[in-house]
Amino acid sequence: MRARRERVWRRVQAMDETAIMAEAAAGWRFAVEYAPRVAGALIVLFVGGFAANWLSRLLERKLQTSRIDATFRPMIATSFHYLALGLVGLIVLQQFGVQTASLLAVLGTAGLAIGLALQNTLSNVAAGLVLLVLRPFEIGDQVAVSDQTGVVLGLAMFHTKLRTDDGVDIVVPNNDVLKNAIRNMSHYPDRIMTATLDISAAADLKLALTTLRETLDAQPLAIKELPRAVVVDAIAGGSSRLVVTAWVRNEDYLQARTQFLCDARERLHAAGVSLA
């Protein structure tokens, strides 16, 4: 009985050694077959990623000195970067024998599902493309969009970046920019300066109008060739509201308005006209 058990045990050991040798041989064949592919994929991934980043930076520098509108430049550089990385990814998958045609079909189906799930996010991309085509503003324009006012710093795939007069950066989703009214204060070289003054009801209204017209005529930053006006906007029990309008250069707007208000206060005081 003991001898029989020993013979069975020796056969089991022989079978285990055979199985181990077979598994080792299969593992070796797998390593020999796929090691070059893995090495090639790692090389492609490293070199391709480095090349994509380098080419993206090179393209960005070239765009800075090109005649292409500054609004288009960030989106062109970003799109090229992602396309280059996608191409590198496809080459890496090909190293492992993945059929890219089938993969693209699967990605197309998955992209449809993802697009439905990220509808609001992708609408910002579509809105960004529409803004690039319509070009309601450019980099450096002073605009008011979606209840925010500032200088346009850039238009990206998902958002528009503004900087307010007090130095705060604001990111507005492109969809919000497109679906709301856009006020571009820098589209034309000139704009209307508007100033409102409340005159005391006891003051001489005609004298106030004459004084403000003389003050406006003396403003060096007001464009002489374009129309200007000093009108009575409203009359109430305790005051009369006067509105002054004149055309000024865009870059002179704040300085021209400040200078006019200071001069108007001094001249009205000298003429004996009291502000409400």
Protein backbone atom coordinates (compact mmCIF):
# COMPACT_ATOMS: atom_id res chain seq x y z
CA MET A 1 0.00 0.00 0.00
CA ARG A 2 2.80 2.34 0.90
CA ALA A 3 4.65 1.61 -2.34
CA ARG A 4 1.50 2.36 -4.30
CA ARG A 5 1.12 5.75 -2.61
CA GLU A 6 4.74 6.57 -3.43
CA ARG A 7 4.22 5.72 -7.10
CA VAL A 8 1.11 7.96 -7.24
CA TRP A 9 2.99 10.78 -5.55
CA ARG A 10 5.86 10.53 -8.04
CA ARG A 11 3.39 10.72 -10.96
CA VAL A 12 1.76 13.83 -9.40
CA GLN A 13 5.17 15.46 -8.98
CA ALA A 14 6.04 14.65 -12.58
CA MET A 15 2.73 16.18 -13.73
CA ASP A 16 3.35 19.31 -11.63
CA GLU A 17 6.82 19.72 -13.08
CA THR A 18 5.42 19.28 -16.59
CA ALA A 19 2.71 21.85 -15.95
CA ILE A 20 5.20 24.29 -14.47
CA MET A 21 7.52 23.87 -17.42
CA ALA A 22 4.60 24.37 -19.83
CA GLU A 23 3.48 27.52 -18.00
CA ALA A 24 7.03 28.84 -17.95
CA ALA A 25 7.43 28.18 -21.67
CA ALA A 26 4.13 29.92 -22.41
CA GLY A 27 5.15 32.89 -20.28
CA TRP A 28 8.49 33.09 -22.04
CA ARG A 29 6.84 33.00 -25.45
CA PHE A 30 4.42 35.73 -24.34
CA ALA A 31 7.30 37.88 -23.08
CA VAL A 32 9.30 37.36 -26.25
CA GLU A 33 6.27 38.22 -28.39
CA TYR A 34 5.01 41.28 -26.49
CA ALA A 35 8.18 42.74 -24.96
CA PRO A 36 9.13 44.54 -28.20
CA ARG A 37 5.58 45.87 -28.47
CA VAL A 38 5.60 47.15 -24.90
CA ALA A 39 9.03 48.70 -25.39
CA GLY A 40 7.93 50.27 -28.67
CA ALA A 41 4.74 51.60 -27.06
CA LEU A 42 6.70 53.18 -24.19
CA ILE A 43 9.13 54.77 -26.64
CA VAL A 44 6.31 56.10 -28.80
CA LEU A 45 4.48 57.38 -25.71
CA PHE A 46 7.55 59.17 -24.36
CA VAL A 47 8.86 60.55 -27.65
CA GLY A 48 5.37 61.35 -28.98
CA GLY A 49 4.32 63.14 -25.79
CA PHE A 50 7.53 65.17 -25.78
CA ALA A 51 7.12 66.00 -29.48
CA ALA A 52 3.47 67.00 -29.01
CA ASN A 53 4.34 69.37 -26.16
CA TRP A 54 7.31 70.81 -28.04
CA LEU A 55 5.34 71.33 -31.24
CA SER A 56 2.47 72.92 -29.31
CA ARG A 57 4.81 75.42 -27.67
CA LEU A 58 6.49 76.10 -31.01
CA LEU A 59 3.11 76.69 -32.68
CA GLU A 60 2.07 79.01 -29.85
CA ARG A 61 5.24 81.09 -30.31
CA LYS A 62 4.72 81.23 -34.06
CA LEU A 63 1.11 82.30 -33.61
CA GLN A 64 2.21 85.20 -31.41
CA THR A 65 4.09 86.73 -34.35
CA SER A 66 1.60 85.73 -37.05
CA ARG A 67 -1.17 87.77 -38.62
CA ILE A 68 -3.82 85.45 -37.22
CA ASP A 69 -6.24 87.27 -34.92
CA ALA A 70 -5.25 87.05 -31.25
CA THR A 71 -8.69 85.66 -30.39
CA PHE A 72 -8.04 82.53 -32.46
CA ARG A 73 -4.53 81.78 -31.22
CA PRO A 74 -5.22 80.07 -27.86
CA MET A 75 -7.88 77.78 -29.31
CA ILE A 76 -5.69 76.82 -32.30
CA ALA A 77 -2.76 75.93 -30.02
CA THR A 78 -4.97 73.95 -27.61
CA SER A 79 -6.72 72.04 -30.40
CA PHE A 80 -3.39 71.12 -32.01
CA HIS A 81 -2.05 69.89 -28.66
CA TYR A 82 -5.02 67.58 -28.03
CA LEU A 83 -4.99 66.29 -31.62
CA ALA A 84 -1.29 65.48 -31.37
CA LEU A 85 -1.80 63.61 -28.09
CA GLY A 86 -4.72 61.70 -29.63
CA LEU A 87 -2.54 60.66 -32.58
CA VAL A 88 0.14 59.44 -30.17
CA GLY A 89 -2.48 57.42 -28.31
CA LEU A 90 -3.64 55.74 -31.53
CA ILE A 91 -0.06 54.81 -32.46
CA VAL A 92 0.47 53.31 -28.99
CA LEU A 93 -2.67 51.20 -29.34
CA GLN A 94 -1.52 49.99 -32.74
CA GLN A 95 1.64 48.69 -31.10
CA PHE A 96 -0.55 46.26 -29.14
CA GLY A 97 -2.44 45.14 -32.23
CA VAL A 98 -5.63 47.10 -31.53
CA GLN A 99 -7.64 47.76 -34.69
CA THR A 100 -8.01 51.53 -34.77
CA ALA A 101 -10.98 51.40 -37.15
CA SER A 102 -13.00 49.34 -34.67
CA LEU A 103 -11.74 51.53 -31.85
CA LEU A 104 -12.85 54.69 -33.61
CA ALA A 105 -16.31 53.18 -34.12
CA VAL A 106 -16.53 52.33 -30.42
CA LEU A 107 -15.26 55.80 -29.49
CA GLY A 108 -17.85 57.34 -31.79
CA THR A 109 -20.64 55.48 -30.01
CA ALA A 110 -19.18 56.30 -26.61
CA GLY A 111 -18.72 59.91 -27.69
CA LEU A 112 -22.42 60.16 -28.48
CA ALA A 113 -23.32 58.91 -25.01
CA ILE A 114 -20.77 61.20 -23.37
CA GLY A 115 -22.02 64.10 -25.47
CA LEU A 116 -25.57 63.57 -24.21
CA ALA A 117 -24.31 63.37 -20.64
CA LEU A 118 -22.12 66.47 -21.00
CA GLN A 119 -24.54 68.48 -23.10
CA ASN A 120 -24.15 71.67 -21.08
CA THR A 121 -20.36 71.44 -21.10
CA LEU A 122 -20.13 70.75 -24.83
CA SER A 123 -22.51 73.63 -25.51
CA ASN A 124 -19.73 75.90 -24.24
CA VAL A 125 -17.41 74.47 -26.91
CA ALA A 126 -20.03 75.07 -29.62
CA ALA A 127 -20.63 78.59 -28.29
CA GLY A 128 -16.86 79.22 -28.37
CA LEU A 129 -16.71 78.22 -32.03
CA VAL A 130 -19.65 80.52 -32.84
CA LEU A 131 -17.93 83.39 -31.01
CA LEU A 132 -14.77 82.75 -33.03
CA VAL A 133 -16.75 82.96 -36.27
CA LEU A 134 -18.89 85.96 -35.35
CA ARG A 135 -16.05 87.75 -33.50
CA PRO A 136 -18.17 90.18 -31.45
CA PHE A 137 -15.01 91.13 -29.53
CA GLU A 138 -11.25 90.75 -29.69
CA ILE A 139 -8.47 90.40 -27.15
CA GLY A 140 -8.08 93.69 -25.29
CA ASP A 141 -11.64 94.96 -25.91
CA GLN A 142 -13.63 96.46 -23.04
CA VAL A 143 -16.89 94.51 -22.96
CA ALA A 144 -19.92 93.85 -20.78
CA VAL A 145 -21.18 90.25 -21.00
CA SER A 146 -23.46 88.27 -18.73
CA ASP A 147 -23.60 91.06 -16.11
CA GLN A 148 -19.80 91.21 -16.03
CA THR A 149 -17.64 94.07 -17.35
CA GLY A 150 -13.94 93.95 -18.10
CA VAL A 151 -11.16 93.66 -20.65
CA VAL A 152 -11.09 90.45 -22.70
CA LEU A 153 -7.97 88.43 -21.83
CA GLY A 154 -8.73 85.37 -23.93
CA LEU A 155 -11.30 83.09 -25.49
CA ALA A 156 -10.77 79.40 -24.67
CA MET A 157 -12.71 76.28 -25.67
CA PHE A 158 -15.01 76.42 -22.64
CA HIS A 159 -14.88 79.97 -21.31
CA THR A 160 -14.07 83.61 -21.90
CA LYS A 161 -11.71 85.31 -19.45
CA LEU A 162 -12.20 88.96 -18.46
CA ARG A 163 -10.23 91.30 -16.20
CA THR A 164 -12.18 93.99 -14.38
CA ASP A 165 -10.98 97.53 -13.75
CA ASP A 166 -9.98 96.57 -10.19
CA GLY A 167 -7.74 93.73 -11.43
CA VAL A 168 -10.04 90.75 -10.78
CA ASP A 169 -10.06 87.93 -13.35
CA ILE A 170 -13.52 86.60 -14.21
CA VAL A 171 -14.21 83.38 -16.13
CA VAL A 172 -17.54 83.41 -17.99
CA PRO A 173 -18.82 80.21 -19.71
CA ASN A 174 -19.01 80.69 -23.47
CA ASN A 175 -22.65 79.64 -23.53
CA ASP A 176 -23.53 82.46 -21.12
CA VAL A 177 -21.59 84.91 -23.28
CA LEU A 178 -23.38 83.87 -26.47
CA LYS A 179 -26.94 83.79 -25.13
CA ASN A 180 -26.75 87.22 -23.45
CA ALA A 181 -26.33 90.68 -24.89
CA ILE A 182 -22.72 91.69 -25.53
CA ARG A 183 -21.77 95.34 -25.11
CA ASN A 184 -18.43 96.11 -26.75
CA MET A 185 -17.16 99.52 -25.72
CA SER A 186 -13.97 99.18 -27.80
CA HIS A 187 -15.37 98.14 -31.16
CA TYR A 188 -15.22 101.70 -32.52
CA PRO A 189 -12.44 104.19 -31.84
CA ASP A 190 -14.89 106.76 -30.44
CA ARG A 191 -17.67 106.54 -27.87
CA ILE A 192 -20.16 108.87 -26.21
CA MET A 193 -19.27 110.28 -22.82
CA THR A 194 -22.35 110.79 -20.66
CA ALA A 195 -22.51 112.82 -17.45
CA THR A 196 -25.57 113.48 -15.31
CA LEU A 197 -25.85 116.43 -12.91
CA ASP A 198 -28.71 117.30 -10.54
CA ILE A 199 -29.23 121.07 -10.18
CA SER A 200 -31.03 122.59 -7.22
CA ALA A 201 -34.60 123.68 -7.96
CA ALA A 202 -33.75 127.15 -6.61
CA ALA A 203 -30.91 127.60 -9.15
CA ASP A 204 -31.25 129.37 -12.50
CA LEU A 205 -31.80 126.50 -14.94
CA LYS A 206 -30.94 128.50 -18.07
CA LEU A 207 -27.74 129.75 -16.46
CA ALA A 208 -26.85 126.16 -15.59
CA LEU A 209 -27.38 125.05 -19.20
CA THR A 210 -25.26 127.91 -20.52
CA THR A 211 -22.48 127.22 -18.02
CA LEU A 212 -22.37 123.52 -18.85
CA ARG A 213 -22.28 124.21 -22.60
CA GLU A 214 -19.36 126.58 -22.12
CA THR A 215 -17.62 123.99 -19.93
CA LEU A 216 -18.16 121.31 -22.56
CA ASP A 217 -16.84 123.55 -25.36
CA ALA A 218 -13.66 124.09 -23.36
CA GLN A 219 -12.90 120.37 -22.97
CA PRO A 220 -9.74 119.45 -24.91
CA LEU A 221 -10.55 115.73 -25.04
CA ALA A 222 -14.03 116.16 -26.54
CA ILE A 223 -14.05 115.63 -30.32
CA LYS A 224 -15.02 118.97 -31.85
CA GLU A 225 -16.24 117.55 -35.17
CA LEU A 226 -18.83 115.25 -33.60
CA PRO A 227 -22.14 116.34 -32.03
CA ARG A 228 -22.52 117.18 -28.35
CA ALA A 229 -25.49 118.17 -26.23
CA VAL A 230 -26.58 119.54 -22.86
CA VAL A 231 -30.26 118.77 -22.21
CA VAL A 232 -32.79 118.78 -19.39
CA ASP A 233 -33.62 115.16 -18.65
CA ALA A 234 -36.14 115.60 -15.82
CA ILE A 235 -37.57 118.19 -13.45
CA ALA A 236 -38.65 117.23 -9.94
CA GLY A 237 -39.79 119.16 -6.90
CA GLY A 238 -36.34 119.57 -5.41
CA SER A 239 -34.00 119.39 -8.41
CA SER A 240 -33.58 119.43 -12.17
CA ARG A 241 -31.59 116.69 -13.89
CA LEU A 242 -29.26 117.72 -16.72
CA VAL A 243 -27.54 115.25 -19.05
CA VAL A 244 -24.35 116.11 -20.94
CA THR A 245 -23.18 114.02 -23.90
CA ALA A 246 -20.10 114.34 -26.08
CA TRP A 247 -17.94 112.10 -28.27
CA VAL A 248 -14.47 111.24 -27.02
CA ARG A 249 -11.74 108.80 -27.99
CA ASN A 250 -12.14 105.38 -26.43
CA GLU A 251 -8.84 105.55 -24.61
CA ASP A 252 -9.71 109.03 -23.24
CA TYR A 253 -13.15 108.14 -21.86
CA LEU A 254 -12.43 108.02 -18.13
CA GLN A 255 -10.04 110.96 -18.19
CA ALA A 256 -12.43 113.09 -20.28
CA ARG A 257 -15.41 112.38 -18.02
CA THR A 258 -13.45 113.07 -14.84
CA GLN A 259 -12.04 116.31 -16.20
CA PHE A 260 -15.46 117.51 -17.36
CA LEU A 261 -17.13 116.80 -14.01
CA CYS A 262 -14.39 118.63 -12.11
CA ASP A 263 -14.54 121.66 -14.43
CA ALA A 264 -18.35 121.65 -14.38
CA ARG A 265 -18.44 121.74 -10.57
CA GLU A 266 -16.01 124.66 -10.45
CA ARG A 267 -17.82 126.69 -13.12
CA LEU A 268 -21.27 126.06 -11.66
CA HIS A 269 -20.05 127.12 -8.23
CA ALA A 270 -18.46 130.25 -9.70
CA ALA A 271 -21.73 131.06 -11.50
CA GLY A 272 -23.75 130.67 -8.32
CA VAL A 273 -25.54 127.50 -9.48
CA SER A 274 -26.03 124.98 -6.68
CA LEU A 275 -25.98 121.24 -7.19
CA ALA A 276 -28.74 119.21 -5.58
